[in-house]
Amino acid sequence: IQEPAAEHTHTVIFLHGGGSDGPQFWRAIRRMRPSLFAKFPSFRWVFPSSGLLWSSSMEMERKQWLDASPRDSSESAQEIPGLSSSVEYVLRLIEDEVQRLGGRADKLVLGGLSQGQATSLYALLRCEHRLGAYVGMSGWLPLAHKLDQRTLKEGDLQGAEATPVFLGHGTHDRKVPLELALRARHVLSTNMNVDVTWRQYVGAKLDGHWIKEPEELEDVAEFLQA
């Protein structure tokens, strides 16, 4: 947890990618420029860690929120190992942090990187609150193929429809292809009427599967300020 340097006004819950953990992700964000911590000194930053989960692709236990490829074709969340339990954990974190904010869910930001985005974005669709904002990077939306096929009924989204969303992605991401991020954008903006701010980046590190400095951080800062 990165505690605020000024009087606490907002909270960000930010989920790491597969094979990482909260402290490691916090250290990575802390080193990046421009510094989001410096730009938002009154924000409390929460970097939770996933549990250990068997990785079917690596044939070993590792820290990850779910065990599924971005192209997973499961029919329900229950078919994706780890997704339901991780989403429930994130929803509990949201409730805890909303209480710290005096019930002001509109002052809470949720987000994540890679499968941290996948998990937190699916949690947003399950969240009963209208949050202040959502920030996703280099990730995808689980079960997007199912969500793209059905007509949503009133009340399905609870607070998600009113939460503004930022999605950033590398054009040459070799782990999560750009087309999957574009599908997430389509499902959110077209099927669910979510206000999505979309940005894509050339030249991100780690085969395009990472946060693009400084452009993506500048865009996230502008989005949060708005």
Protein backbone atom coordinates (compact mmCIF):
# COMPACT_ATOMS: atom_id res chain seq x y z
CA ILE A 1 0.00 0.00 0.00
CA GLN A 2 1.26 3.46 -0.97
CA GLU A 3 -0.29 5.76 1.60
CA PRO A 4 -1.23 9.30 0.51
CA ALA A 5 1.30 12.09 1.02
CA ALA A 6 -1.53 14.56 1.64
CA GLU A 7 -5.01 14.34 3.15
CA HIS A 8 -6.65 11.19 1.78
CA THR A 9 -9.22 11.94 -0.94
CA HIS A 10 -9.21 8.95 -3.33
CA THR A 11 -8.09 5.30 -3.53
CA VAL A 12 -6.75 3.25 -6.43
CA ILE A 13 -6.86 -0.58 -6.39
CA PHE A 14 -4.44 -1.85 -9.05
CA LEU A 15 -3.97 -5.56 -9.87
CA HIS A 16 -0.68 -7.03 -11.09
CA GLY A 17 -0.18 -9.38 -14.03
CA GLY A 18 0.46 -13.13 -13.94
CA GLY A 19 3.65 -14.29 -12.24
CA SER A 20 4.05 -11.04 -10.31
CA ASP A 21 2.65 -9.77 -7.00
CA GLY A 22 1.52 -6.55 -5.38
CA PRO A 23 4.91 -5.39 -3.99
CA GLN A 24 6.69 -6.10 -7.27
CA PHE A 25 4.07 -4.19 -9.26
CA TRP A 26 4.22 -1.29 -6.78
CA ARG A 27 8.00 -1.06 -7.20
CA ALA A 28 7.63 -1.02 -10.99
CA ILE A 29 5.03 1.77 -10.90
CA ARG A 30 7.13 3.73 -8.40
CA ARG A 31 10.12 3.74 -10.80
CA MET A 32 8.11 4.94 -13.80
CA ARG A 33 7.96 8.50 -15.08
CA PRO A 34 5.92 10.56 -14.95
CA SER A 35 5.15 9.50 -11.39
CA LEU A 36 1.47 8.83 -10.79
CA PHE A 37 2.17 8.93 -7.05
CA ALA A 38 3.54 12.48 -7.36
CA LYS A 39 0.71 13.62 -9.64
CA PHE A 40 -1.93 12.39 -7.17
CA PRO A 41 -0.46 12.93 -3.67
CA SER A 42 -3.84 12.59 -1.94
CA PHE A 43 -4.45 9.11 -3.40
CA ARG A 44 -4.06 5.88 -1.47
CA TRP A 45 -2.69 3.15 -3.80
CA VAL A 46 -3.53 -0.47 -3.02
CA PHE A 47 -1.59 -3.21 -4.83
CA PRO A 48 -3.11 -6.57 -3.80
CA SER A 49 -1.43 -9.92 -4.46
CA SER A 50 -3.07 -12.96 -5.98
CA GLY A 51 -2.76 -16.40 -4.44
CA LEU A 52 -0.91 -19.35 -5.91
CA LEU A 53 -2.79 -21.09 -8.70
CA TRP A 54 -1.84 -24.00 -10.91
CA SER A 55 -0.74 -22.82 -14.35
CA SER A 56 -1.82 -25.32 -17.00
CA SER A 57 0.49 -23.76 -19.60
CA MET A 58 3.61 -23.74 -17.37
CA GLU A 59 2.66 -26.89 -15.43
CA MET A 60 3.49 -25.35 -12.06
CA GLU A 61 1.96 -23.23 -9.34
CA ARG A 62 2.50 -19.52 -9.68
CA LYS A 63 0.95 -16.25 -8.56
CA GLN A 64 -1.94 -15.50 -10.87
CA TRP A 65 -5.53 -14.33 -10.64
CA LEU A 66 -6.88 -16.88 -13.11
CA ASP A 67 -5.65 -19.74 -15.26
CA ALA A 68 -6.80 -19.04 -18.80
CA SER A 69 -5.35 -17.74 -22.02
CA PRO A 70 -6.69 -14.47 -23.44
CA ARG A 71 -8.38 -16.54 -26.17
CA ASP A 72 -10.14 -18.79 -23.66
CA SER A 73 -13.53 -19.98 -24.94
CA SER A 74 -15.13 -21.00 -21.63
CA GLU A 75 -18.88 -20.68 -21.33
CA SER A 76 -18.97 -19.27 -17.78
CA ALA A 77 -16.77 -17.70 -15.10
CA GLN A 78 -17.01 -20.93 -13.10
CA GLU A 79 -15.19 -22.75 -15.91
CA ILE A 80 -12.14 -20.45 -15.64
CA PRO A 81 -9.98 -21.55 -12.68
CA GLY A 82 -9.46 -18.74 -10.20
CA LEU A 83 -11.67 -16.11 -11.84
CA SER A 84 -14.71 -16.30 -9.56
CA SER A 85 -12.70 -16.41 -6.32
CA SER A 86 -10.40 -13.60 -7.46
CA VAL A 87 -13.36 -11.43 -8.44
CA GLU A 88 -14.99 -12.01 -5.05
CA TYR A 89 -11.71 -10.99 -3.38
CA VAL A 90 -11.57 -7.79 -5.45
CA LEU A 91 -15.19 -6.97 -4.63
CA ARG A 92 -14.39 -7.34 -0.91
CA LEU A 93 -11.41 -5.00 -1.32
CA ILE A 94 -13.67 -2.47 -3.01
CA GLU A 95 -16.12 -2.59 -0.11
CA ASP A 96 -13.30 -2.14 2.43
CA GLU A 97 -11.84 0.84 0.59
CA VAL A 98 -15.24 2.45 -0.01
CA GLN A 99 -15.80 2.33 3.76
CA ARG A 100 -12.44 4.10 4.26
CA LEU A 101 -13.71 6.78 1.89
CA GLY A 102 -16.84 7.31 3.95
CA GLY A 103 -19.03 5.47 1.48
CA ARG A 104 -17.85 7.54 -1.51
CA ALA A 105 -17.45 4.85 -4.17
CA ASP A 106 -17.12 7.64 -6.75
CA LYS A 107 -13.70 8.38 -5.24
CA LEU A 108 -12.38 4.88 -5.87
CA VAL A 109 -10.48 3.83 -9.00
CA LEU A 110 -10.14 0.17 -9.99
CA GLY A 111 -7.69 -1.20 -12.53
CA GLY A 112 -5.08 -3.72 -13.51
CA LEU A 113 -2.43 -4.91 -15.96
CA SER A 114 -2.69 -7.96 -18.23
CA GLN A 115 -4.63 -10.66 -16.35
CA GLY A 116 -4.95 -8.07 -13.59
CA GLN A 117 -7.05 -6.12 -16.08
CA ALA A 118 -8.99 -9.25 -17.02
CA THR A 119 -9.86 -9.91 -13.38
CA SER A 120 -10.58 -6.34 -12.32
CA LEU A 121 -12.60 -5.55 -15.47
CA TYR A 122 -14.78 -8.60 -14.89
CA ALA A 123 -15.12 -7.50 -11.24
CA LEU A 124 -16.28 -4.07 -12.45
CA LEU A 125 -19.15 -5.77 -14.27
CA ARG A 126 -20.10 -7.45 -11.00
CA CYS A 127 -19.68 -4.37 -8.83
CA GLU A 128 -22.83 -2.76 -7.41
CA HIS A 129 -21.15 0.65 -7.12
CA ARG A 130 -20.62 3.39 -9.66
CA LEU A 131 -16.86 3.86 -9.21
CA GLY A 132 -14.85 6.98 -9.94
CA ALA A 133 -12.98 5.37 -12.83
CA TYR A 134 -11.48 2.18 -14.22
CA VAL A 135 -7.97 1.84 -15.75
CA GLY A 136 -6.97 -1.24 -17.75
CA MET A 137 -3.62 -1.86 -19.43
CA SER A 138 -2.48 -4.61 -21.79
CA GLY A 139 -5.35 -6.89 -20.89
CA TRP A 140 -8.60 -8.41 -22.08
CA LEU A 141 -12.18 -9.07 -20.97
CA PRO A 142 -12.93 -12.68 -19.95
CA LEU A 143 -15.97 -14.19 -21.64
CA ALA A 144 -16.10 -11.31 -24.10
CA HIS A 145 -17.31 -13.76 -26.75
CA LYS A 146 -20.33 -14.56 -24.56
CA LEU A 147 -21.01 -10.97 -23.56
CA ASP A 148 -20.84 -9.96 -27.21
CA GLN A 149 -23.61 -12.41 -28.12
CA ARG A 150 -26.30 -11.61 -25.62
CA THR A 151 -28.63 -8.70 -25.05
CA LEU A 152 -28.13 -7.10 -21.66
CA LYS A 153 -31.13 -6.50 -19.48
CA GLU A 154 -31.68 -3.49 -17.27
CA GLY A 155 -29.76 -3.97 -14.03
CA ASP A 156 -27.25 -6.45 -15.49
CA LEU A 157 -24.35 -4.02 -15.18
CA GLN A 158 -25.25 -2.49 -11.82
CA GLY A 159 -22.65 0.31 -11.42
CA ALA A 160 -20.41 -0.51 -14.36
CA GLU A 161 -22.34 1.38 -17.02
CA ALA A 162 -21.78 4.70 -15.26
CA THR A 163 -18.08 4.14 -14.50
CA PRO A 164 -15.75 5.78 -17.05
CA VAL A 165 -13.17 3.32 -18.42
CA PHE A 166 -9.63 3.80 -19.78
CA LEU A 167 -8.09 1.00 -21.86
CA GLY A 168 -4.50 1.18 -23.10
CA HIS A 169 -2.78 -1.47 -25.24
CA GLY A 170 0.37 -2.06 -27.26
CA THR A 171 -0.16 -2.38 -31.01
CA HIS A 172 2.28 -5.30 -31.21
CA ASP A 173 1.49 -7.03 -27.91
CA ARG A 174 2.57 -10.65 -28.40
CA LYS A 175 0.94 -11.99 -25.22
CA VAL A 176 -2.48 -10.36 -25.47
CA PRO A 177 -3.14 -9.55 -29.14
CA LEU A 178 -4.54 -6.11 -29.89
CA GLU A 179 -7.69 -7.64 -31.40
CA LEU A 180 -8.72 -8.98 -27.97
CA ALA A 181 -8.37 -5.56 -26.38
CA LEU A 182 -10.38 -4.07 -29.23
CA ARG A 183 -13.08 -6.67 -28.62
CA ALA A 184 -13.21 -5.68 -24.95
CA ARG A 185 -13.64 -2.06 -26.02
CA HIS A 186 -16.40 -3.03 -28.44
CA VAL A 187 -18.32 -5.08 -25.87
CA LEU A 188 -18.08 -2.32 -23.27
CA SER A 189 -18.87 0.65 -25.48
CA THR A 190 -21.34 -0.87 -27.93
CA ASN A 191 -23.13 -3.62 -25.99
CA MET A 192 -22.96 -2.05 -22.54
CA ASN A 193 -22.96 1.67 -23.32
CA VAL A 194 -19.86 2.23 -21.18
CA ASP A 195 -17.87 5.45 -21.72
CA VAL A 196 -14.49 4.05 -22.90
CA THR A 197 -11.35 6.11 -23.47
CA TRP A 198 -9.13 4.05 -25.81
CA ARG A 199 -5.40 4.48 -26.45
CA GLN A 200 -2.93 2.23 -28.26
CA TYR A 201 0.85 2.48 -28.21
CA VAL A 202 3.81 1.56 -30.39
CA GLY A 203 7.12 0.45 -28.91
CA ALA A 204 6.22 -0.78 -25.42
CA LYS A 205 8.78 -3.03 -23.74
CA LEU A 206 8.43 -6.79 -23.19
CA ASP A 207 7.16 -7.52 -26.71
CA GLY A 208 4.58 -4.77 -26.44
CA HIS A 209 3.07 -6.25 -23.27
CA TRP A 210 3.89 -3.50 -20.79
CA ILE A 211 3.08 0.07 -19.83
CA LYS A 212 4.40 2.55 -22.41
CA GLU A 213 6.48 5.28 -20.80
CA PRO A 214 5.83 8.17 -20.72
CA GLU A 215 2.83 8.32 -23.07
CA GLU A 216 0.53 5.83 -21.36
CA LEU A 217 1.20 7.23 -17.90
CA GLU A 218 0.50 10.74 -19.17
CA ASP A 219 -2.75 9.55 -20.73
CA VAL A 220 -3.80 7.78 -17.52
CA ALA A 221 -3.03 10.92 -15.49
CA GLU A 222 -5.09 13.05 -17.87
CA PHE A 223 -7.96 10.56 -17.72
CA LEU A 224 -7.97 10.47 -13.91
CA GLN A 225 -7.80 14.25 -13.67
CA ALA A 226 -10.81 14.50 -15.98
